[in-house]
């Protein structure tokens, strides 16, 4: 059994914030893969289903971001899971918008949700880091992550969330390479290798006419005196 945790803040006020992209990822997975309805449990919202061969629990802590670890710790202990069975989906300031990286273990890099999880279950859990970009000034970070995604971000955000959902079965089975490939196919679809056919009304390019061959050299005309002298040779 695996536990997928999405980070965010509860309530409609925060639903479309950049900081809530973890909640959005789990909502997409639940909808696409036929998970059970959400129910209140472990100080959060929980649903369950299958991804590939794995049974997976989806958990959205509703303790607010900086206390997320309380909810995660409760769920992990109840189901007797190890921290390596947990994958956390969260926003990442240090990745460009639309970028995604899977990571095993590591530090919390100042992220309040990860900091809380570290405190409750330790650092040995997996993460899916979803890029939201950086405002450019560390003093602007708090306001930036707590603002809604602008309409201009709708396309890349939809591609990213659908790609994560596409790859979720691979992630549950521990194949991060195939997971990342699934995300890339949505975010950067491959271009066709075939050249487009020329339009029917496009005239064929004109070919240059071959240069005329030089005429063979003609013998110089002989004078009548020379012709007469030739007769006596």
Protein backbone atom coordinates (compact mmCIF):
# COMPACT_ATOMS: atom_id res chain seq x y z
CA UNK A 1 0.00 0.00 0.00
CA UNK A 2 1.16 3.51 -0.83
CA UNK A 3 0.19 6.86 0.66
CA UNK A 4 0.12 9.85 -1.71
CA UNK A 5 -0.05 13.17 0.14
CA UNK A 6 -0.94 16.48 -1.52
CA UNK A 7 -0.02 19.69 0.27
CA UNK A 8 -2.20 22.78 0.44
CA UNK A 9 -4.47 24.83 2.67
CA UNK A 10 -8.12 23.91 3.29
CA UNK A 11 -11.11 25.98 2.19
CA UNK A 12 -12.39 27.69 -0.93
CA UNK A 13 -10.31 30.80 -0.19
CA UNK A 14 -7.11 28.90 -0.95
CA UNK A 15 -8.36 26.39 -3.53
CA UNK A 16 -6.67 27.97 -6.55
CA UNK A 17 -3.53 29.24 -4.81
CA UNK A 18 -0.11 28.26 -6.14
CA UNK A 19 0.54 26.72 -2.70
CA UNK A 20 -2.36 24.29 -3.32
CA UNK A 21 -0.99 22.60 -6.41
CA UNK A 22 -0.47 19.44 -4.32
CA UNK A 23 -4.20 19.27 -3.60
CA UNK A 24 -4.90 19.83 -7.30
CA UNK A 25 -2.65 16.92 -8.31
CA UNK A 26 -4.46 14.50 -5.99
CA UNK A 27 -7.87 15.71 -7.17
CA UNK A 28 -6.81 14.98 -10.77
CA UNK A 29 -5.55 11.49 -9.89
CA UNK A 30 -8.74 10.67 -7.94
CA UNK A 31 -10.99 11.83 -10.79
CA UNK A 32 -9.05 10.09 -13.59
CA UNK A 33 -8.55 6.74 -11.86
CA UNK A 34 -11.96 6.17 -10.27
CA UNK A 35 -11.04 6.55 -6.61
CA UNK A 36 -13.62 6.39 -3.82
CA UNK A 37 -15.37 9.57 -2.62
CA UNK A 38 -13.37 11.79 -0.28
CA UNK A 39 -14.06 11.36 3.44
CA UNK A 40 -12.82 13.18 6.54
CA UNK A 41 -10.13 11.22 8.35
CA UNK A 42 -6.72 11.79 9.99
CA UNK A 43 -7.30 15.57 10.18
CA UNK A 44 -7.66 15.62 6.43
CA UNK A 45 -9.56 14.35 3.38
CA UNK A 46 -8.89 10.75 2.37
CA UNK A 47 -9.87 8.52 -0.55
CA UNK A 48 -8.59 5.20 -1.85
CA UNK A 49 -8.26 3.26 -5.07
CA UNK A 50 -5.80 1.35 -7.22
CA UNK A 51 -2.99 2.55 -9.44
CA UNK A 52 -1.62 -0.31 -11.49
CA UNK A 53 -1.06 -3.23 -9.14
CA UNK A 54 -0.88 -1.04 -6.02
CA UNK A 55 -3.56 -0.01 -3.56
CA UNK A 56 -3.11 3.71 -2.96
CA UNK A 57 -4.47 6.14 -0.37
CA UNK A 58 -4.76 9.81 -1.28
CA UNK A 59 -4.54 12.26 1.63
CA UNK A 60 -5.04 16.03 1.68
CA UNK A 61 -4.12 17.33 5.18
CA UNK A 62 -6.58 19.99 6.39
CA UNK A 63 -4.49 21.24 9.31
CA UNK A 64 -3.12 24.14 7.21
CA UNK A 65 0.25 23.84 5.55
CA UNK A 66 2.58 24.30 8.52
CA UNK A 67 0.94 21.42 10.47
CA UNK A 68 0.64 18.94 7.58
CA UNK A 69 2.85 16.41 9.33
CA UNK A 70 0.23 15.74 12.01
CA UNK A 71 -2.20 14.35 9.44
CA UNK A 72 0.46 12.39 7.55
CA UNK A 73 1.83 10.84 10.75
CA UNK A 74 -1.62 9.70 11.89
CA UNK A 75 -2.42 8.03 8.57
CA UNK A 76 0.98 6.37 8.35
CA UNK A 77 0.75 4.89 11.84
CA UNK A 78 -2.84 3.71 11.38
CA UNK A 79 -1.99 1.75 8.23
CA UNK A 80 1.41 0.66 9.61
CA UNK A 81 3.27 2.19 6.69
CA UNK A 82 6.93 3.08 6.50
CA UNK A 83 7.99 6.60 5.54
CA UNK A 84 9.34 5.20 2.25
CA UNK A 85 5.74 4.26 1.34
CA UNK A 86 4.81 7.98 1.37
CA UNK A 87 5.02 10.31 -1.63
CA UNK A 88 4.34 14.02 -1.09
CA UNK A 89 3.17 16.29 -3.94
CA UNK A 90 4.06 19.93 -3.36
CA UNK A 91 4.78 23.30 -4.96
CA UNK A 92 8.42 24.12 -5.74
CA UNK A 93 9.70 27.68 -6.01
CA UNK A 94 13.06 26.60 -7.40
CA UNK A 95 11.57 25.00 -10.52
CA UNK A 96 10.21 26.94 -13.48
CA UNK A 97 6.42 26.86 -13.93
CA UNK A 98 5.32 23.55 -15.44
CA UNK A 99 8.52 21.68 -14.57
CA UNK A 100 8.28 18.51 -12.47
CA UNK A 101 10.86 16.44 -10.64
CA UNK A 102 10.58 13.24 -8.60
CA UNK A 103 12.91 12.95 -5.63
CA UNK A 104 13.61 10.44 -2.85
CA UNK A 105 14.41 11.89 0.57
CA UNK A 106 16.34 15.10 1.16
CA UNK A 107 15.81 18.36 3.02
CA UNK A 108 12.73 20.53 3.25
CA UNK A 109 14.37 23.65 1.72
CA UNK A 110 12.28 25.91 3.95
CA UNK A 111 8.92 24.61 2.71
CA UNK A 112 6.62 24.76 5.74
CA UNK A 113 4.60 21.68 4.77
CA UNK A 114 7.71 19.56 4.26
CA UNK A 115 9.25 20.93 7.45
CA UNK A 116 6.23 19.69 9.42
CA UNK A 117 6.32 16.28 7.75
CA UNK A 118 10.03 15.99 8.58
CA UNK A 119 9.19 16.59 12.22
CA UNK A 120 6.57 13.82 12.32
CA UNK A 121 7.89 11.04 10.05
CA UNK A 122 11.48 11.99 9.25
CA UNK A 123 13.06 12.90 5.88
CA UNK A 124 12.94 9.48 4.20
CA UNK A 125 9.87 9.91 2.02
CA UNK A 126 9.48 10.55 -1.71
CA UNK A 127 8.43 13.84 -3.23
CA UNK A 128 6.99 15.11 -6.48
CA UNK A 129 8.15 18.70 -6.87
CA UNK A 130 5.90 20.81 -9.09
CA UNK A 131 7.39 24.05 -10.34
CA UNK A 132 5.54 27.31 -9.79
CA UNK A 133 8.48 29.66 -10.36
CA UNK A 134 9.94 32.25 -7.99
CA UNK A 135 8.79 35.87 -7.58
CA UNK A 136 12.43 37.00 -7.66
CA UNK A 137 12.51 38.41 -4.15
CA UNK A 138 12.45 36.20 -1.05
CA UNK A 139 10.39 38.83 0.79
CA UNK A 140 7.63 38.37 -1.81
CA UNK A 141 7.42 34.58 -1.51
CA UNK A 142 4.59 34.42 1.03
CA UNK A 143 2.27 36.63 -1.01
CA UNK A 144 3.25 34.88 -4.23
CA UNK A 145 2.43 31.33 -3.13
CA UNK A 146 -0.85 32.42 -1.53
CA UNK A 147 -2.14 34.05 -4.73
CA UNK A 148 -4.22 32.21 -7.31
CA UNK A 149 -2.70 30.94 -10.53
CA UNK A 150 -3.37 33.57 -13.22
CA UNK A 151 -5.44 32.65 -16.26
CA UNK A 152 -2.28 32.77 -18.38
CA UNK A 153 -1.01 29.69 -16.49
CA UNK A 154 -4.10 27.58 -17.17
CA UNK A 155 -2.68 25.63 -20.15
CA UNK A 156 0.62 24.53 -18.65
CA UNK A 157 -1.04 23.82 -15.30
CA UNK A 158 -3.63 21.55 -16.92
CA UNK A 159 -0.92 19.73 -18.91
CA UNK A 160 1.19 19.22 -15.79
CA UNK A 161 -1.67 17.89 -13.66
CA UNK A 162 -2.85 15.52 -16.40
CA UNK A 163 0.70 14.31 -16.96
CA UNK A 164 1.11 13.56 -13.26
CA UNK A 165 -2.18 11.66 -13.31
CA UNK A 166 -1.11 9.72 -16.42
CA UNK A 167 2.11 8.68 -14.72
CA UNK A 168 0.66 7.98 -11.26
CA UNK A 169 0.46 4.17 -11.76
CA UNK A 170 4.19 4.09 -12.59
CA UNK A 171 4.95 6.22 -9.55
CA UNK A 172 2.96 3.90 -7.29
CA UNK A 173 4.96 0.96 -8.61
CA UNK A 174 8.27 2.75 -8.00
CA UNK A 175 9.21 3.47 -11.62
CA UNK A 176 10.03 7.18 -11.54
CA UNK A 177 11.53 7.04 -15.04
CA UNK A 178 8.24 6.01 -16.64
CA UNK A 179 6.42 8.51 -14.42
CA UNK A 180 8.58 11.36 -15.68
CA UNK A 181 8.14 10.18 -19.29
CA UNK A 182 4.35 10.33 -18.86
CA UNK A 183 4.58 13.88 -17.54
CA UNK A 184 6.87 14.91 -20.40
CA UNK A 185 4.45 13.53 -23.01
CA UNK A 186 1.80 15.93 -21.72
CA UNK A 187 4.00 18.94 -21.05
CA UNK A 188 6.17 18.58 -24.18
CA UNK A 189 4.36 16.40 -26.75
CA UNK A 190 6.71 14.99 -29.42
CA UNK A 191 6.78 16.64 -32.81
CA UNK A 192 5.95 14.61 -35.90
CA UNK A 193 9.03 13.39 -37.74
CA UNK A 194 7.23 13.55 -41.09
CA UNK A 195 7.65 16.59 -43.29
CA UNK A 196 4.37 18.27 -44.22
CA UNK A 197 3.15 17.51 -47.72
CA UNK A 198 3.31 20.46 -50.14
CA UNK A 199 0.08 22.25 -50.83
CA UNK A 200 -1.74 21.24 -54.02
CA UNK A 201 -1.82 24.76 -55.39
CA UNK A 202 1.86 25.40 -54.77
CA UNK A 203 3.66 25.56 -58.14
CA UNK A 204 6.65 23.31 -58.50
CA UNK A 205 9.92 25.20 -58.19
CA UNK A 206 11.41 26.22 -61.52
CA UNK A 207 14.59 24.42 -62.51
CA UNK A 208 17.38 26.42 -64.04
CA UNK A 209 17.88 25.88 -67.78
CA UNK A 210 21.18 24.19 -68.64
CA UNK A 211 23.79 26.48 -70.07
CA UNK A 212 24.13 26.09 -73.89
CA UNK A 213 27.13 24.06 -75.01
CA UNK A 214 29.77 26.10 -76.84
CA UNK A 215 29.65 25.70 -80.62
CA UNK A 216 32.54 23.70 -82.16
CA UNK A 217 35.41 25.86 -83.37
CA UNK A 218 35.20 26.62 -87.11
CA UNK A 219 38.40 26.61 -89.27
CA UNK A 220 39.51 30.01 -90.37
CA UNK A 221 38.61 30.72 -94.06
CA UNK A 222 41.61 30.42 -96.52
CA UNK A 223 42.34 33.06 -99.09
CA UNK A 224 42.11 32.24 -102.82
CA UNK A 225 45.93 32.56 -103.12
CA UNK A 226 46.44 29.96 -100.39
CA UNK A 227 43.90 27.66 -102.05
CA UNK A 228 45.79 28.01 -105.39
CA UNK A 229 49.14 27.27 -103.78
CA UNK A 230 47.69 24.15 -102.14
CA UNK A 231 47.00 22.71 -105.61
CA UNK A 232 50.72 22.76 -106.47
CA UNK A 233 51.89 21.10 -103.25
